C-alpha atoms as a PDB file:
ATOM      1  CA  MET A   1      29.081 -23.470  -1.675  1.00  0.00           C
ATOM      2  CA  THR A   2      29.498 -27.412  -1.433  1.00  0.00           C
ATOM      3  CA  LEU A   3      33.097 -27.414  -1.978  1.00  0.00           C
ATOM      4  CA  PHE A   4      33.751 -25.301   1.024  1.00  0.00           C
ATOM      5  CA  PHE A   5      32.080 -27.872   3.430  1.00  0.00           C
ATOM      6  CA  VAL A   6      33.753 -30.541   1.423  1.00  0.00           C
ATOM      7  CA  GLY A   7      37.476 -28.956   2.081  1.00  0.00           C
ATOM      8  CA  ILE A   8      36.672 -28.871   5.783  1.00  0.00           C
ATOM      9  CA  ILE A   9      35.668 -32.498   5.806  1.00  0.00           C
ATOM     10  CA  GLU A  10      38.636 -33.227   3.876  1.00  0.00           C
ATOM     11  CA  MET A  11      40.911 -31.700   6.007  1.00  0.00           C
ATOM     12  CA  LEU A  12      39.559 -33.289   8.882  1.00  0.00           C
ATOM     13  CA  ILE A  13      40.026 -36.478   7.279  1.00  0.00           C
ATOM     14  CA  VAL A  14      43.760 -35.555   6.104  1.00  0.00           C
ATOM     15  CA  THR A  15      44.854 -34.652   9.424  1.00  0.00           C
ATOM     16  CA  SER A  16      43.370 -37.721  10.992  1.00  0.00           C
ATOM     17  CA  TRP A  17      45.306 -39.681   8.587  1.00  0.00           C
ATOM     18  CA  THR A  18      48.398 -38.229   9.504  1.00  0.00           C
ATOM     19  CA  LYS A  19      47.818 -38.615  13.355  1.00  0.00           C
ATOM     20  CA  MET A  20      46.867 -42.360  12.385  1.00  0.00           C
ATOM     21  CA  VAL A  21      50.241 -42.579  10.524  1.00  0.00           C
ATOM     22  CA  THR A  22      52.199 -41.181  13.074  1.00  0.00           C
ATOM     23  CA  LYS A  23      51.069 -43.507  15.672  1.00  0.00           C
ATOM     24  CA  THR A  24      51.635 -46.405  13.391  1.00  0.00           C
ATOM     25  CA  GLN A  25      47.534 -47.298  13.293  1.00  0.00           C
ATOM     26  CA  ILE A  26      48.263 -49.503   9.929  1.00  0.00           C
ATOM     27  CA  PHE A  27      44.306 -50.769   9.611  1.00  0.00           C
ATOM     28  CA  GLY A  28      42.860 -47.102  10.295  1.00  0.00           C
ATOM     29  CA  SER A  29      45.125 -45.336   8.253  1.00  0.00           C
ATOM     30  CA  GLY A  30      44.077 -47.476   5.211  1.00  0.00           C
ATOM     31  CA  VAL A  31      40.700 -47.275   5.725  1.00  0.00           C
ATOM     32  CA  VAL A  32      41.233 -43.249   5.861  1.00  0.00           C
ATOM     33  CA  THR A  33      43.290 -43.069   3.019  1.00  0.00           C
ATOM     34  CA  MET A  34      40.302 -44.911   1.031  1.00  0.00           C
ATOM     35  CA  ILE A  35      37.746 -42.268   2.220  1.00  0.00           C
ATOM     36  CA  ASN A  36      40.174 -39.502   1.344  1.00  0.00           C
ATOM     37  CA  VAL A  37      40.738 -40.723  -2.160  1.00  0.00           C
ATOM     38  CA  LEU A  38      36.884 -40.867  -2.779  1.00  0.00           C
ATOM     39  CA  VAL A  39      36.738 -37.054  -1.452  1.00  0.00           C
ATOM     40  CA  TRP A  40      39.213 -36.299  -3.718  1.00  0.00           C
ATOM     41  CA  TYR A  41      37.493 -37.994  -6.649  1.00  0.00           C
ATOM     42  CA  TYR A  42      34.525 -36.143  -6.108  1.00  0.00           C
ATOM     43  CA  VAL A  43      36.117 -32.750  -5.750  1.00  0.00           C
ATOM     44  CA  LEU A  44      38.170 -33.271  -8.960  1.00  0.00           C
ATOM     45  CA  GLN A  45      35.051 -34.057 -10.697  1.00  0.00           C
ATOM     46  CA  VAL A  46      32.964 -30.966  -9.483  1.00  0.00           C
ATOM     47  CA  ILE A  47      36.047 -28.781 -10.392  1.00  0.00           C
ATOM     48  CA  LEU A  48      36.440 -30.376 -14.027  1.00  0.00           C
ATOM     49  CA  ASP A  49      32.770 -30.282 -14.903  1.00  0.00           C
ATOM     50  CA  ASP A  50      32.945 -26.193 -14.096  1.00  0.00           C
ATOM     51  CA  ILE A  51      36.512 -25.390 -15.167  1.00  0.00           C
ATOM     52  CA  GLY A  52      36.310 -21.976 -16.188  1.00  0.00           C
ATOM     53  CA  ASN A  53      34.876 -21.378 -12.647  1.00  0.00           C
ATOM     54  CA  TRP A  54      37.700 -20.090 -10.311  1.00  0.00           C
ATOM     55  CA  THR A  55      35.403 -19.429  -7.415  1.00  0.00           C
ATOM     56  CA  ILE A  56      34.758 -23.199  -6.644  1.00  0.00           C
ATOM     57  CA  VAL A  57      38.371 -23.583  -6.430  1.00  0.00           C
ATOM     58  CA  VAL A  58      38.712 -20.693  -3.863  1.00  0.00           C
ATOM     59  CA  SER A  59      35.628 -21.826  -1.863  1.00  0.00           C
ATOM     60  CA  TYR A  60      37.589 -25.309  -1.650  1.00  0.00           C
ATOM     61  CA  ALA A  61      40.903 -23.959  -0.677  1.00  0.00           C
ATOM     62  CA  LEU A  62      39.094 -21.658   1.984  1.00  0.00           C
ATOM     63  CA  GLY A  63      37.046 -24.796   3.130  1.00  0.00           C
ATOM     64  CA  CYS A  64      40.616 -26.385   3.688  1.00  0.00           C
ATOM     65  CA  ALA A  65      42.078 -23.906   5.406  1.00  0.00           C
ATOM     66  CA  VAL A  66      39.165 -23.880   7.894  1.00  0.00           C
ATOM     67  CA  GLY A  67      39.169 -27.646   8.403  1.00  0.00           C
ATOM     68  CA  THR A  68      42.873 -27.614   9.019  1.00  0.00           C
ATOM     69  CA  MET A  69      42.655 -24.990  11.407  1.00  0.00           C
ATOM     70  CA  LEU A  70      39.645 -26.447  13.107  1.00  0.00           C
ATOM     71  CA  THR A  71      41.079 -30.004  13.293  1.00  0.00           C
ATOM     72  CA  MET A  72      44.353 -28.554  14.829  1.00  0.00           C
ATOM     73  CA  TYR A  73      42.299 -26.997  17.401  1.00  0.00           C
ATOM     74  CA  LEU A  74      40.571 -29.869  18.155  1.00  0.00           C
ATOM     75  CA  PHE A  75      43.474 -32.187  18.371  1.00  0.00           C
ATOM     76  CA  HIS A  76      45.303 -29.431  20.465  1.00  0.00           C
ATOM     77  CA  TYR A  77      42.396 -29.432  22.969  1.00  0.00           C
ATOM     78  CA  GLN A  78      42.276 -33.083  23.442  1.00  0.00           C
ATOM     79  CA  GLU A  79      46.159 -33.416  24.018  1.00  0.00           C
ATOM     80  CA  LYS A  80      46.131 -30.581  26.313  1.00  0.00           C
ATOM     81  CA  ARG A  81      43.223 -32.137  28.200  1.00  0.00           C
ATOM     82  CA  LYS A  82      45.058 -35.515  28.199  1.00  0.00           C
ATOM     83  CA  MET A  83      48.296 -34.086  29.852  1.00  0.00           C
ATOM     84  CA  LEU A  84      46.260 -32.072  32.590  1.00  0.00           C
ATOM     85  CA  SER A  85      44.569 -35.380  33.332  1.00  0.00           C
ATOM     86  CA  ILE A  86      47.603 -37.128  33.250  1.00  0.00           C
ATOM     87  CA  GLU A  87      49.127 -34.435  35.796  1.00  0.00           C
ATOM     88  CA  GLY A  88      46.239 -34.821  37.780  1.00  0.00           C
ATOM     89  CA  VAL A  89      44.380 -31.435  37.206  1.00  0.00           C
ATOM     90  CA  ALA A  90      40.907 -31.409  37.260  1.00  0.00           C
ATOM     91  CA  THR A  91      39.605 -31.360  33.494  1.00  0.00           C
ATOM     92  CA  THR A  92      35.917 -30.468  34.412  1.00  0.00           C
ATOM     93  CA  LYS A  93      36.794 -26.868  34.562  1.00  0.00           C
ATOM     94  CA  ARG A  94      38.044 -25.003  31.844  1.00  0.00           C
ATOM     95  CA  TYR A  95      41.674 -24.690  31.781  1.00  0.00           C
ATOM     96  CA  VAL A  96      42.727 -25.020  28.497  1.00  0.00           C
END
């Protein structure tokens, strides 16, 4: 079950990294890369310690899927709010 939440966190990290790289944020993307490698090291260690247990891999994969969807939704929501504020639409109400 722990790897489910680690998968969510990792996808938050990876999606943030992708956003930083596309915006050429050099230092930030380097820091996020280091964090991602450390998370991956932990994931590999847990999986290799119990290599026959396929349920932890499925749990991790589900966490990754949920993390990707959540992060994409959050970034989409932020971009939508930003566009509405640029266009002069009040963002205090829920238009998104």
